[in-house]
């Protein structure tokens, strides 16, 4: 899909292992999408492999690899020729700023200088999936707690902030097809959803895709590989673009790049691609 002039195109996708995604056709998707900034989650590969697959001649890659090999991993990749090279990061940070998550591979930030002199901070985030009654759920809540500190801090110190990624929570009943069967499961617990009430309430961030789509089911971004979830569109909307208000107001389109069929998917998540008129 061609990118209109004066538009910044940002895509986010949980690749469920970048090597596997490339074997399944991710490169073909990316080649035809004219993305300026690409955010990845669950990269699950060494830094060298990530840079080889994305081609460092075409992309500036900032990748936070997890200390636990083969797990997590997030990245922000900026196309080197985007806006004649002026969009390349001017600053980078590879964690959310809390010691417990310093090497978790779940949060990475890049700062970009825009033509009007303002700063755009882009975050690629991968929130824990969690599991009720386990340490995994404790870690998820701990990470969400740190997000409630970092999000307002970013908004106070930058003109524009965009937090994208697999946040592993469906905010409302519109975000999960089978929400009634999941109210006691990680990903749709009332306690988890309350964090998103705060993100989109007192912290002032906007759910870009929801605001553009309106009050409709989905559009979903993740479907289990098991059963017929993809074929019946029994999905979850857990991949987000969360933007500060002025940036959200500049969004002109949001598209979920749902594969045409089960066997043409390169991940169990679909990319969420948003155009910002900046």
Protein backbone atom coordinates (compact mmCIF):
# COMPACT_ATOMS: atom_id res chain seq x y z
CA UNK A 1 0.00 0.00 0.00
CA UNK A 2 1.56 3.30 -1.11
CA UNK A 3 2.33 5.83 1.57
CA UNK A 4 0.86 9.32 1.00
CA UNK A 5 3.18 12.31 1.12
CA UNK A 6 3.97 13.87 4.49
CA UNK A 7 2.90 10.70 6.29
CA UNK A 8 4.95 8.83 8.85
CA UNK A 9 4.10 5.13 8.67
CA UNK A 10 4.73 3.11 11.84
CA UNK A 11 4.18 -0.65 12.03
CA UNK A 12 4.29 -2.94 15.04
CA UNK A 13 4.21 -6.73 15.11
CA UNK A 14 5.03 -9.54 17.49
CA UNK A 15 7.01 -11.77 15.14
CA UNK A 16 6.99 -14.85 17.42
CA UNK A 17 10.66 -15.42 16.57
CA UNK A 18 12.15 -13.34 13.76
CA UNK A 19 13.98 -16.24 12.11
CA UNK A 20 10.77 -18.26 11.85
CA UNK A 21 8.87 -15.18 10.64
CA UNK A 22 11.33 -14.61 7.81
CA UNK A 23 11.08 -18.24 6.76
CA UNK A 24 7.30 -17.79 6.59
CA UNK A 25 7.35 -14.69 4.41
CA UNK A 26 7.81 -11.65 6.63
CA UNK A 27 10.32 -10.12 4.21
CA UNK A 28 7.73 -10.11 1.43
CA UNK A 29 5.23 -8.31 3.65
CA UNK A 30 7.79 -5.71 4.71
CA UNK A 31 9.05 -5.08 1.18
CA UNK A 32 5.62 -4.02 0.00
CA UNK A 33 4.55 -1.90 2.98
CA UNK A 34 6.71 1.28 2.79
CA UNK A 35 7.15 1.39 6.55
CA UNK A 36 9.24 4.22 8.04
CA UNK A 37 9.53 2.86 11.59
CA UNK A 38 9.15 -0.85 12.33
CA UNK A 39 8.68 -2.06 15.90
CA UNK A 40 9.13 -5.73 16.74
CA UNK A 41 8.39 -7.86 19.78
CA UNK A 42 9.29 -11.40 20.75
CA UNK A 43 12.28 -11.21 18.42
CA UNK A 44 13.97 -14.17 20.15
CA UNK A 45 17.28 -13.97 18.29
CA UNK A 46 20.83 -12.68 18.82
CA UNK A 47 21.50 -9.10 17.80
CA UNK A 48 23.70 -10.17 14.89
CA UNK A 49 20.91 -12.27 13.39
CA UNK A 50 18.37 -9.46 13.72
CA UNK A 51 20.67 -7.01 11.92
CA UNK A 52 21.41 -9.50 9.14
CA UNK A 53 17.75 -10.27 8.52
CA UNK A 54 16.64 -6.63 8.50
CA UNK A 55 19.66 -5.55 6.40
CA UNK A 56 21.56 -2.78 8.15
CA UNK A 57 22.14 -0.97 4.88
CA UNK A 58 18.41 -0.34 4.70
CA UNK A 59 17.50 -0.12 8.40
CA UNK A 60 18.90 1.47 11.52
CA UNK A 61 18.23 -1.18 14.18
CA UNK A 62 17.99 -0.66 17.93
CA UNK A 63 17.45 -4.07 19.51
CA UNK A 64 17.16 -5.01 23.19
CA UNK A 65 18.01 -8.68 23.47
CA UNK A 66 16.76 -10.57 26.52
CA UNK A 67 19.28 -12.08 28.92
CA UNK A 68 17.27 -15.31 28.72
CA UNK A 69 18.31 -16.61 25.32
CA UNK A 70 15.50 -17.44 22.96
CA UNK A 71 12.94 -15.37 24.87
CA UNK A 72 11.37 -11.93 24.46
CA UNK A 73 13.48 -9.31 22.67
CA UNK A 74 12.19 -6.02 21.24
CA UNK A 75 13.43 -3.67 18.53
CA UNK A 76 12.81 -0.36 16.81
CA UNK A 77 14.06 -0.24 13.22
CA UNK A 78 14.08 3.03 11.27
CA UNK A 79 14.34 3.03 7.50
CA UNK A 80 17.56 4.86 6.64
CA UNK A 81 16.06 6.74 3.71
CA UNK A 82 12.90 7.80 5.57
CA UNK A 83 12.46 11.55 5.12
CA UNK A 84 15.85 11.73 3.40
CA UNK A 85 17.55 10.22 6.42
CA UNK A 86 16.35 12.87 8.87
CA UNK A 87 14.26 10.41 10.89
CA UNK A 88 17.18 8.38 12.25
CA UNK A 89 17.26 8.20 16.07
CA UNK A 90 19.07 10.92 17.98
CA UNK A 91 18.93 8.96 21.26
CA UNK A 92 18.29 5.37 22.32
CA UNK A 93 17.47 3.55 25.55
CA UNK A 94 17.26 -0.21 25.92
CA UNK A 95 15.09 -0.72 29.00
CA UNK A 96 12.14 0.73 30.87
CA UNK A 97 14.49 2.10 33.53
CA UNK A 98 13.79 -0.35 36.34
CA UNK A 99 16.57 -2.66 37.54
CA UNK A 100 14.31 -5.72 37.69
CA UNK A 101 13.59 -5.45 33.95
CA UNK A 102 16.97 -4.12 32.80
CA UNK A 103 17.83 -7.20 30.72
CA UNK A 104 14.32 -8.50 30.08
CA UNK A 105 14.14 -7.54 26.40
CA UNK A 106 10.68 -6.03 26.87
CA UNK A 107 11.09 -2.28 26.39
CA UNK A 108 13.20 -0.18 24.03
CA UNK A 109 13.00 3.55 23.24
CA UNK A 110 14.24 5.75 20.41
CA UNK A 111 14.02 9.54 20.07
CA UNK A 112 13.49 11.13 16.65
CA UNK A 113 13.81 14.81 15.74
CA UNK A 114 10.92 16.03 13.59
CA UNK A 115 11.10 18.84 11.04
CA UNK A 116 9.25 21.29 13.29
CA UNK A 117 11.86 20.87 16.03
CA UNK A 118 9.73 18.61 18.23
CA UNK A 119 10.80 15.21 19.51
CA UNK A 120 9.01 11.94 18.86
CA UNK A 121 9.81 9.10 21.25
CA UNK A 122 8.93 5.63 19.96
CA UNK A 123 8.68 2.66 22.33
CA UNK A 124 8.49 -0.99 21.34
CA UNK A 125 7.03 -2.88 24.30
CA UNK A 126 6.33 -6.51 25.08
CA UNK A 127 4.28 -7.03 28.23
CA UNK A 128 4.35 -10.43 29.90
CA UNK A 129 1.56 -12.81 28.93
CA UNK A 130 1.11 -13.80 32.58
CA UNK A 131 -0.58 -16.78 34.17
CA UNK A 132 -3.07 -16.49 37.01
CA UNK A 133 -1.70 -17.52 40.40
CA UNK A 134 1.94 -17.74 39.29
CA UNK A 135 5.12 -15.68 39.40
CA UNK A 136 4.55 -14.89 35.72
CA UNK A 137 1.44 -12.92 36.68
CA UNK A 138 3.32 -11.18 39.49
CA UNK A 139 5.97 -10.09 36.97
CA UNK A 140 3.25 -8.84 34.63
CA UNK A 141 1.73 -6.64 37.31
CA UNK A 142 5.17 -5.41 38.32
CA UNK A 143 5.91 -4.42 34.72
CA UNK A 144 2.55 -2.68 34.35
CA UNK A 145 3.28 -0.81 37.58
CA UNK A 146 6.54 0.47 36.10
CA UNK A 147 4.68 1.47 32.93
CA UNK A 148 2.37 3.65 35.04
CA UNK A 149 5.48 5.55 36.12
CA UNK A 150 7.27 5.70 32.78
CA UNK A 151 4.34 6.70 30.56
CA UNK A 152 3.55 10.02 32.27
CA UNK A 153 7.27 10.76 32.60
CA UNK A 154 7.68 10.42 28.83
CA UNK A 155 4.59 12.52 28.14
CA UNK A 156 5.90 15.32 30.37
CA UNK A 157 9.28 15.54 28.65
CA UNK A 158 8.48 15.01 24.94
CA UNK A 159 6.11 16.64 22.50
CA UNK A 160 5.08 13.29 21.02
CA UNK A 161 5.20 9.76 22.48
CA UNK A 162 4.17 6.56 20.73
CA UNK A 163 4.14 3.30 22.67
CA UNK A 164 3.46 0.31 20.46
CA UNK A 165 3.63 -3.42 20.82
CA UNK A 166 2.15 -6.57 22.22
CA UNK A 167 0.75 -5.39 25.54
CA UNK A 168 -1.00 -8.71 26.22
CA UNK A 169 -4.21 -7.21 27.61
CA UNK A 170 -7.57 -6.76 25.93
CA UNK A 171 -8.88 -3.48 27.30
CA UNK A 172 -12.62 -3.86 26.72
CA UNK A 173 -15.17 -6.46 25.70
CA UNK A 174 -14.78 -5.27 22.11
CA UNK A 175 -11.17 -6.46 22.14
CA UNK A 176 -11.81 -10.20 22.55
CA UNK A 177 -14.33 -12.20 20.58
CA UNK A 178 -14.89 -14.70 23.40
CA UNK A 179 -14.59 -12.22 26.27
CA UNK A 180 -17.12 -13.97 28.50
CA UNK A 181 -14.97 -17.10 28.58
CA UNK A 182 -11.83 -15.16 29.48
CA UNK A 183 -12.76 -12.89 32.38
CA UNK A 184 -10.78 -15.10 34.77
CA UNK A 185 -7.82 -15.61 32.45
CA UNK A 186 -4.61 -13.62 32.06
CA UNK A 187 -5.05 -11.04 29.35
CA UNK A 188 -8.58 -10.02 30.32
CA UNK A 189 -8.54 -9.88 34.10
CA UNK A 190 -10.29 -6.84 35.61
CA UNK A 191 -7.08 -5.97 37.46
CA UNK A 192 -5.11 -5.91 34.18
CA UNK A 193 -7.73 -3.91 32.34
CA UNK A 194 -7.72 -1.31 35.12
CA UNK A 195 -4.15 -0.38 34.15
CA UNK A 196 -5.38 0.46 30.66
CA UNK A 197 -8.18 2.55 32.12
CA UNK A 198 -5.39 4.62 33.66
CA UNK A 199 -3.23 4.69 30.52
CA UNK A 200 -6.17 5.97 28.46
CA UNK A 201 -7.63 8.02 31.30
CA UNK A 202 -5.53 9.93 33.82
CA UNK A 203 -2.27 9.45 31.87
CA UNK A 204 -3.83 10.97 28.76
CA UNK A 205 -2.72 8.45 26.13
CA UNK A 206 -5.01 7.56 23.23
CA UNK A 207 -5.76 4.10 21.82
CA UNK A 208 -5.13 5.09 18.20
CA UNK A 209 -6.56 2.04 16.44
CA UNK A 210 -9.68 2.03 18.62
CA UNK A 211 -10.30 5.73 18.07
CA UNK A 212 -10.08 5.29 14.31
CA UNK A 213 -12.10 2.07 14.19
CA UNK A 214 -14.84 3.17 16.57
CA UNK A 215 -16.90 0.89 18.84
CA UNK A 216 -16.71 -2.26 16.73
CA UNK A 217 -15.49 -5.77 17.58
CA UNK A 218 -11.72 -5.89 17.09
CA UNK A 219 -10.14 -5.49 14.69
CA UNK A 220 -8.26 -8.38 16.27
CA UNK A 221 -4.48 -8.72 16.08
CA UNK A 222 -3.78 -12.17 17.57
CA UNK A 223 -5.26 -15.59 16.97
CA UNK A 224 -4.14 -18.83 18.56
CA UNK A 225 -2.45 -21.32 16.25
CA UNK A 226 -4.66 -23.96 17.84
CA UNK A 227 -8.02 -25.01 16.48
CA UNK A 228 -9.96 -22.78 14.11
CA UNK A 229 -9.36 -19.47 15.87
CA UNK A 230 -8.01 -17.74 12.77
CA UNK A 231 -10.61 -19.14 10.39
CA UNK A 232 -13.47 -18.08 12.68
CA UNK A 233 -11.81 -14.78 13.62
CA UNK A 234 -11.88 -15.75 17.30
CA UNK A 235 -9.14 -13.27 18.06
CA UNK A 236 -7.84 -10.81 20.61
CA UNK A 237 -6.85 -7.16 20.08
CA UNK A 238 -3.73 -6.97 22.24
CA UNK A 239 -1.32 -5.11 19.93
CA UNK A 240 -1.53 -1.34 20.34
CA UNK A 241 -0.50 2.10 19.19
CA UNK A 242 -0.75 4.26 22.35
CA UNK A 243 -0.09 7.91 21.55
CA UNK A 244 -0.05 11.25 23.28
CA UNK A 245 -3.02 13.37 22.22
CA UNK A 246 -1.47 15.59 19.53
CA UNK A 247 0.16 12.59 17.87
CA UNK A 248 -3.06 10.57 18.05
CA UNK A 249 -4.91 13.44 16.40
CA UNK A 250 -2.44 13.22 13.51
CA UNK A 251 -3.30 9.57 12.81
CA UNK A 252 -5.18 9.24 9.52
CA UNK A 253 -5.45 5.46 9.11
CA UNK A 254 -4.90 2.26 11.06
CA UNK A 255 -4.80 -1.13 9.39
CA UNK A 256 -4.38 -4.64 10.75
CA UNK A 257 -2.52 -6.61 8.11
CA UNK A 258 -4.41 -9.85 8.66
CA UNK A 259 -3.04 -12.61 6.43
CA UNK A 260 -5.44 -13.85 3.73
CA UNK A 261 -5.33 -17.41 5.07
CA UNK A 262 -4.04 -19.48 7.98
CA UNK A 263 -1.16 -20.93 5.98
CA UNK A 264 0.11 -17.52 4.80
CA UNK A 265 0.67 -16.11 8.30
CA UNK A 266 4.25 -15.35 9.31
CA UNK A 267 3.25 -15.01 12.98
CA UNK A 268 0.29 -15.64 15.24
CA UNK A 269 0.05 -11.84 15.48
CA UNK A 270 -0.80 -9.51 12.60
CA UNK A 271 1.02 -6.20 12.04
CA UNK A 272 -0.76 -3.01 13.07
CA UNK A 273 0.16 -0.22 10.65
CA UNK A 274 -0.73 3.41 11.33
CA UNK A 275 -0.15 6.49 9.17
CA UNK A 276 0.50 9.76 11.02
CA UNK A 277 0.20 13.05 9.13
CA UNK A 278 3.25 14.87 10.49
